[in-house]
Amino acid sequence: MSAPAALVARGPDGTEQVLVRPGGALPASARIVLATARPGQEALEVDLLEGEGEAARLVARARFALPRGLPANAWIPVEVQVGADLRVRAEARENLRRVRAPAAFTPGPDETTYRAG
């Protein structure tokens, strides 16, 4: 199966990264790196969008609970997986600080072909 549209991650700072390109083979996985903005930050969030530019629609907001005591600018790798069924899963995992947090998804307001969770 191939991806019907791009899947894009938009970080808290507004930067976007294409995770899956239109027509790309599924299942697929991609990795992004998020960073804490302040010491003791309790969560990281990233928006997952279907499509690019003005036409992009919010699939879901992924929220990752973080352990206490992380410093500012702690880099947290996030693995995003898209199955052949267009289901999106994400998990933050960082071995040095033993961070492992599956995403808690809040679905977007519009219907999309990708589904979170």
N, C-alpha and C. Protein backbone atom coordinates (compact mmCIF):
# COMPACT_ATOMS: atom_id res chain seq x y z
N MET A 1 0.85 -1.18 0.00
CA MET A 1 0.00 0.00 0.00
C MET A 1 0.89 1.24 0.00
N SER A 2 0.38 2.31 -0.55
CA SER A 2 1.14 3.55 -0.55
C SER A 2 0.36 4.64 0.18
N ALA A 3 1.09 5.63 0.68
CA ALA A 3 0.51 6.72 1.46
C ALA A 3 -0.35 7.60 0.55
N PRO A 4 -1.58 7.91 0.97
CA PRO A 4 -2.46 8.74 0.15
C PRO A 4 -2.11 10.23 0.19
N ALA A 5 -1.39 10.63 1.23
CA ALA A 5 -1.02 12.03 1.42
C ALA A 5 0.21 12.09 2.31
N ALA A 6 0.83 13.24 2.36
CA ALA A 6 1.97 13.42 3.25
C ALA A 6 1.50 13.39 4.70
N LEU A 7 2.35 12.87 5.57
CA LEU A 7 2.15 12.97 7.01
C LEU A 7 3.29 13.83 7.53
N VAL A 8 2.94 14.92 8.19
CA VAL A 8 3.92 15.93 8.61
C VAL A 8 3.84 16.12 10.12
N ALA A 9 4.99 16.26 10.75
CA ALA A 9 5.06 16.59 12.18
C ALA A 9 5.39 18.07 12.32
N ARG A 10 4.62 18.78 13.15
CA ARG A 10 4.91 20.19 13.45
C ARG A 10 5.24 20.28 14.93
N GLY A 11 6.48 20.65 15.22
CA GLY A 11 6.95 20.75 16.59
C GLY A 11 6.44 21.99 17.29
N PRO A 12 6.71 22.09 18.60
CA PRO A 12 6.24 23.23 19.39
C PRO A 12 6.77 24.57 18.89
N ASP A 13 7.91 24.55 18.20
CA ASP A 13 8.48 25.80 17.69
C ASP A 13 7.98 26.13 16.29
N GLY A 14 7.07 25.31 15.74
CA GLY A 14 6.49 25.58 14.43
C GLY A 14 7.23 24.95 13.26
N THR A 15 8.38 24.35 13.52
CA THR A 15 9.09 23.70 12.42
C THR A 15 8.36 22.43 12.01
N GLU A 16 8.41 22.14 10.72
CA GLU A 16 7.71 20.97 10.18
C GLU A 16 8.69 20.00 9.56
N GLN A 17 8.37 18.72 9.67
CA GLN A 17 9.19 17.66 9.08
C GLN A 17 8.25 16.65 8.43
N VAL A 18 8.51 16.33 7.17
CA VAL A 18 7.71 15.33 6.47
C VAL A 18 8.12 13.95 6.97
N LEU A 19 7.15 13.20 7.48
CA LEU A 19 7.41 11.86 8.00
C LEU A 19 7.16 10.81 6.92
N VAL A 20 6.11 11.01 6.14
CA VAL A 20 5.74 10.10 5.06
C VAL A 20 5.39 10.97 3.85
N ARG A 21 5.97 10.66 2.71
CA ARG A 21 5.68 11.40 1.48
C ARG A 21 4.49 10.77 0.77
N PRO A 22 3.72 11.58 0.02
CA PRO A 22 2.61 11.01 -0.75
C PRO A 22 3.13 9.92 -1.69
N GLY A 23 2.46 8.80 -1.71
CA GLY A 23 2.88 7.69 -2.56
C GLY A 23 3.96 6.83 -1.95
N GLY A 24 4.45 7.19 -0.77
CA GLY A 24 5.48 6.41 -0.08
C GLY A 24 4.93 5.06 0.37
N ALA A 25 5.81 4.08 0.45
CA ALA A 25 5.40 2.73 0.84
C ALA A 25 4.99 2.68 2.31
N LEU A 26 3.93 1.94 2.57
CA LEU A 26 3.47 1.70 3.94
C LEU A 26 3.51 0.21 4.21
N PRO A 27 3.84 -0.24 5.40
CA PRO A 27 4.09 0.56 6.60
C PRO A 27 5.41 1.33 6.49
N ALA A 28 5.49 2.39 7.29
CA ALA A 28 6.67 3.24 7.29
C ALA A 28 6.94 3.73 8.71
N SER A 29 8.17 4.14 8.95
CA SER A 29 8.50 4.74 10.23
C SER A 29 9.45 5.90 9.99
N ALA A 30 9.42 6.84 10.90
CA ALA A 30 10.29 8.01 10.82
C ALA A 30 10.64 8.43 12.24
N ARG A 31 11.71 9.18 12.34
CA ARG A 31 12.18 9.63 13.65
C ARG A 31 12.32 11.14 13.64
N ILE A 32 11.82 11.76 14.69
CA ILE A 32 12.02 13.19 14.88
C ILE A 32 12.63 13.37 16.27
N VAL A 33 13.23 14.51 16.49
CA VAL A 33 13.81 14.81 17.80
C VAL A 33 13.17 16.09 18.32
N LEU A 34 12.59 16.00 19.50
CA LEU A 34 12.01 17.16 20.17
C LEU A 34 12.93 17.53 21.33
N ALA A 35 12.80 18.75 21.81
CA ALA A 35 13.64 19.20 22.93
C ALA A 35 12.78 19.91 23.96
N THR A 36 13.14 19.72 25.21
CA THR A 36 12.46 20.45 26.28
C THR A 36 12.84 21.92 26.19
N ALA A 37 11.90 22.78 26.54
CA ALA A 37 12.14 24.22 26.47
C ALA A 37 12.59 24.80 27.81
N ARG A 38 12.25 24.09 28.89
CA ARG A 38 12.58 24.62 30.22
C ARG A 38 12.88 23.47 31.17
N PRO A 39 13.62 23.72 32.23
CA PRO A 39 13.90 22.67 33.21
C PRO A 39 12.61 22.17 33.86
N GLY A 40 12.54 20.87 34.08
CA GLY A 40 11.38 20.30 34.76
C GLY A 40 10.13 20.19 33.90
N GLN A 41 10.26 20.41 32.60
CA GLN A 41 9.09 20.32 31.71
C GLN A 41 8.46 18.94 31.84
N GLU A 42 7.15 18.89 31.96
CA GLU A 42 6.46 17.63 32.24
C GLU A 42 5.95 16.91 31.00
N ALA A 43 5.90 17.60 29.85
CA ALA A 43 5.38 16.97 28.64
C ALA A 43 5.91 17.67 27.40
N LEU A 44 5.90 16.92 26.29
CA LEU A 44 6.21 17.46 24.97
C LEU A 44 5.01 17.19 24.09
N GLU A 45 4.72 18.11 23.17
CA GLU A 45 3.63 17.91 22.24
C GLU A 45 4.10 18.16 20.81
N VAL A 46 3.50 17.42 19.89
CA VAL A 46 3.78 17.59 18.47
C VAL A 46 2.47 17.37 17.71
N ASP A 47 2.22 18.21 16.71
CA ASP A 47 1.04 18.05 15.88
C ASP A 47 1.38 17.17 14.69
N LEU A 48 0.49 16.24 14.36
CA LEU A 48 0.63 15.40 13.18
C LEU A 48 -0.40 15.88 12.17
N LEU A 49 0.08 16.25 10.99
CA LEU A 49 -0.77 16.84 9.97
C LEU A 49 -0.82 15.95 8.73
N GLU A 50 -1.98 15.92 8.10
CA GLU A 50 -2.12 15.25 6.82
C GLU A 50 -2.06 16.32 5.74
N GLY A 51 -1.12 16.19 4.81
CA GLY A 51 -0.93 17.18 3.76
C GLY A 51 0.08 18.23 4.18
N GLU A 52 0.34 19.13 3.25
CA GLU A 52 1.34 20.16 3.48
C GLU A 52 0.78 21.54 3.17
N GLY A 53 1.40 22.55 3.74
CA GLY A 53 1.02 23.94 3.46
C GLY A 53 -0.36 24.30 3.97
N GLU A 54 -1.04 25.18 3.22
CA GLU A 54 -2.35 25.70 3.61
C GLU A 54 -3.42 24.60 3.71
N ALA A 55 -3.28 23.55 2.92
CA ALA A 55 -4.29 22.49 2.88
C ALA A 55 -4.11 21.44 3.97
N ALA A 56 -3.09 21.55 4.79
CA ALA A 56 -2.82 20.55 5.83
C ALA A 56 -3.96 20.53 6.85
N ARG A 57 -4.31 19.31 7.27
CA ARG A 57 -5.36 19.12 8.29
C ARG A 57 -4.75 18.39 9.48
N LEU A 58 -5.19 18.76 10.66
CA LEU A 58 -4.68 18.15 11.88
C LEU A 58 -5.23 16.74 12.03
N VAL A 59 -4.34 15.76 12.04
CA VAL A 59 -4.71 14.37 12.32
C VAL A 59 -4.90 14.22 13.82
N ALA A 60 -3.88 14.65 14.56
CA ALA A 60 -3.92 14.53 16.02
C ALA A 60 -2.77 15.33 16.63
N ARG A 61 -2.94 15.65 17.90
CA ARG A 61 -1.84 16.20 18.69
C ARG A 61 -1.34 15.07 19.58
N ALA A 62 -0.04 14.80 19.49
CA ALA A 62 0.56 13.74 20.29
C ALA A 62 1.22 14.39 21.50
N ARG A 63 0.91 13.86 22.68
CA ARG A 63 1.48 14.39 23.93
C ARG A 63 2.26 13.28 24.61
N PHE A 64 3.49 13.61 24.99
CA PHE A 64 4.38 12.64 25.63
C PHE A 64 4.66 13.11 27.05
N ALA A 65 4.28 12.33 28.05
CA ALA A 65 4.57 12.65 29.45
C ALA A 65 6.05 12.38 29.70
N LEU A 66 6.69 13.30 30.38
CA LEU A 66 8.13 13.19 30.65
C LEU A 66 8.38 12.97 32.14
N PRO A 67 9.49 12.31 32.47
CA PRO A 67 9.83 12.16 33.89
C PRO A 67 10.28 13.49 34.48
N ARG A 68 10.20 13.57 35.78
CA ARG A 68 10.64 14.80 36.47
C ARG A 68 12.14 15.00 36.36
N GLY A 69 12.53 16.26 36.40
CA GLY A 69 13.94 16.59 36.53
C GLY A 69 14.73 16.73 35.25
N LEU A 70 14.08 16.69 34.09
CA LEU A 70 14.85 16.87 32.87
C LEU A 70 15.30 18.33 32.75
N PRO A 71 16.49 18.56 32.24
CA PRO A 71 16.96 19.93 32.06
C PRO A 71 16.35 20.56 30.82
N ALA A 72 16.52 21.85 30.66
CA ALA A 72 16.14 22.52 29.41
C ALA A 72 17.01 21.97 28.29
N ASN A 73 16.49 21.95 27.11
CA ASN A 73 17.19 21.47 25.91
C ASN A 73 17.58 19.99 25.97
N ALA A 74 16.83 19.19 26.72
CA ALA A 74 17.04 17.74 26.69
C ALA A 74 16.42 17.23 25.40
N TRP A 75 17.20 16.54 24.59
CA TRP A 75 16.71 16.02 23.32
C TRP A 75 16.00 14.70 23.55
N ILE A 76 14.80 14.60 23.01
CA ILE A 76 13.98 13.40 23.18
C ILE A 76 13.61 12.88 21.78
N PRO A 77 14.18 11.73 21.36
CA PRO A 77 13.82 11.14 20.07
C PRO A 77 12.40 10.56 20.12
N VAL A 78 11.68 10.76 19.04
CA VAL A 78 10.32 10.24 18.92
C VAL A 78 10.24 9.39 17.65
N GLU A 79 9.78 8.17 17.80
CA GLU A 79 9.60 7.25 16.68
C GLU A 79 8.12 7.26 16.30
N VAL A 80 7.86 7.58 15.03
CA VAL A 80 6.49 7.60 14.52
C VAL A 80 6.35 6.45 13.53
N GLN A 81 5.32 5.65 13.70
CA GLN A 81 5.08 4.51 12.81
C GLN A 81 3.70 4.65 12.19
N VAL A 82 3.64 4.35 10.89
CA VAL A 82 2.37 4.37 10.16
C VAL A 82 2.18 2.99 9.57
N GLY A 83 1.09 2.34 9.95
CA GLY A 83 0.79 1.01 9.44
C GLY A 83 0.12 1.05 8.08
N ALA A 84 0.01 -0.10 7.46
CA ALA A 84 -0.67 -0.21 6.17
C ALA A 84 -2.14 0.18 6.30
N ASP A 85 -2.68 0.13 7.53
CA ASP A 85 -4.07 0.52 7.79
C ASP A 85 -4.21 2.02 8.04
N LEU A 86 -3.11 2.79 7.84
CA LEU A 86 -3.05 4.25 8.03
C LEU A 86 -3.17 4.66 9.49
N ARG A 87 -2.97 3.72 10.41
CA ARG A 87 -2.98 4.03 11.83
C ARG A 87 -1.59 4.54 12.23
N VAL A 88 -1.56 5.67 12.93
CA VAL A 88 -0.32 6.31 13.35
C VAL A 88 -0.08 6.03 14.83
N ARG A 89 1.12 5.61 15.15
CA ARG A 89 1.53 5.39 16.54
C ARG A 89 2.83 6.17 16.76
N ALA A 90 3.06 6.59 17.98
CA ALA A 90 4.28 7.33 18.27
C ALA A 90 4.73 7.03 19.70
N GLU A 91 6.04 7.01 19.87
CA GLU A 91 6.60 6.78 21.20
C GLU A 91 7.89 7.58 21.34
N ALA A 92 8.02 8.26 22.47
CA ALA A 92 9.27 8.96 22.80
C ALA A 92 10.14 7.97 23.57
N ARG A 93 11.40 7.88 23.16
CA ARG A 93 12.29 6.94 23.83
C ARG A 93 13.71 7.51 23.83
N GLU A 94 14.25 7.64 25.01
CA GLU A 94 15.62 8.15 25.15
C GLU A 94 16.30 7.32 26.23
N ASN A 95 17.34 6.60 25.85
CA ASN A 95 17.95 5.61 26.75
C ASN A 95 18.77 6.21 27.89
N LEU A 96 19.49 7.28 27.65
CA LEU A 96 20.36 7.85 28.68
C LEU A 96 19.58 8.21 29.93
N ARG A 97 18.44 8.85 29.75
CA ARG A 97 17.62 9.26 30.90
C ARG A 97 16.47 8.29 31.16
N ARG A 98 16.44 7.21 30.40
CA ARG A 98 15.41 6.17 30.54
C ARG A 98 14.00 6.71 30.35
N VAL A 99 13.86 7.55 29.33
CA VAL A 99 12.55 8.07 28.97
C VAL A 99 11.90 7.08 28.00
N ARG A 100 10.69 6.69 28.31
CA ARG A 100 9.90 5.85 27.40
C ARG A 100 8.44 6.25 27.62
N ALA A 101 7.87 6.93 26.62
CA ALA A 101 6.52 7.44 26.78
C ALA A 101 5.74 7.28 25.48
N PRO A 102 4.71 6.43 25.49
CA PRO A 102 3.85 6.35 24.31
C PRO A 102 3.04 7.64 24.20
N ALA A 103 2.65 7.98 22.99
CA ALA A 103 1.87 9.19 22.77
C ALA A 103 0.44 9.02 23.28
N ALA A 104 -0.06 10.07 23.90
CA ALA A 104 -1.49 10.19 24.19
C ALA A 104 -2.02 11.13 23.12
N PHE A 105 -2.93 10.65 22.27
CA PHE A 105 -3.40 11.43 21.13
C PHE A 105 -4.70 12.17 21.42
N THR A 106 -4.77 13.40 20.95
CA THR A 106 -6.01 14.15 20.90
C THR A 106 -6.33 14.32 19.42
N PRO A 107 -7.42 13.71 18.92
CA PRO A 107 -7.72 13.78 17.49
C PRO A 107 -8.01 15.21 17.04
N GLY A 108 -7.72 15.46 15.77
CA GLY A 108 -8.03 16.75 15.17
C GLY A 108 -9.53 16.89 14.91
N PRO A 109 -9.98 18.11 14.57
CA PRO A 109 -11.40 18.37 14.39
C PRO A 109 -11.98 17.84 13.08
N ASP A 110 -11.13 17.60 12.08
CA ASP A 110 -11.59 17.17 10.76
C ASP A 110 -11.31 15.70 10.54
N GLU A 111 -12.05 15.11 9.64
CA GLU A 111 -11.79 13.73 9.27
C GLU A 111 -10.57 13.68 8.36
N THR A 112 -9.68 12.73 8.61
CA THR A 112 -8.48 12.54 7.81
C THR A 112 -8.36 11.07 7.47
N THR A 113 -7.54 10.76 6.46
CA THR A 113 -7.36 9.35 6.12
C THR A 113 -6.45 8.66 7.12
N TYR A 114 -5.52 9.40 7.74
CA TYR A 114 -4.68 8.83 8.80
C TYR A 114 -5.48 8.82 10.09
N ARG A 115 -5.24 7.82 10.93
CA ARG A 115 -5.92 7.72 12.22
C ARG A 115 -4.87 7.56 13.32
N ALA A 116 -5.06 8.26 14.41
CA ALA A 116 -4.11 8.19 15.52
C ALA A 116 -4.46 7.05 16.45
N GLY A 117 -3.41 6.42 16.98
CA GLY A 117 -3.60 5.45 18.02
C GLY A 117 -3.52 4.06 17.59
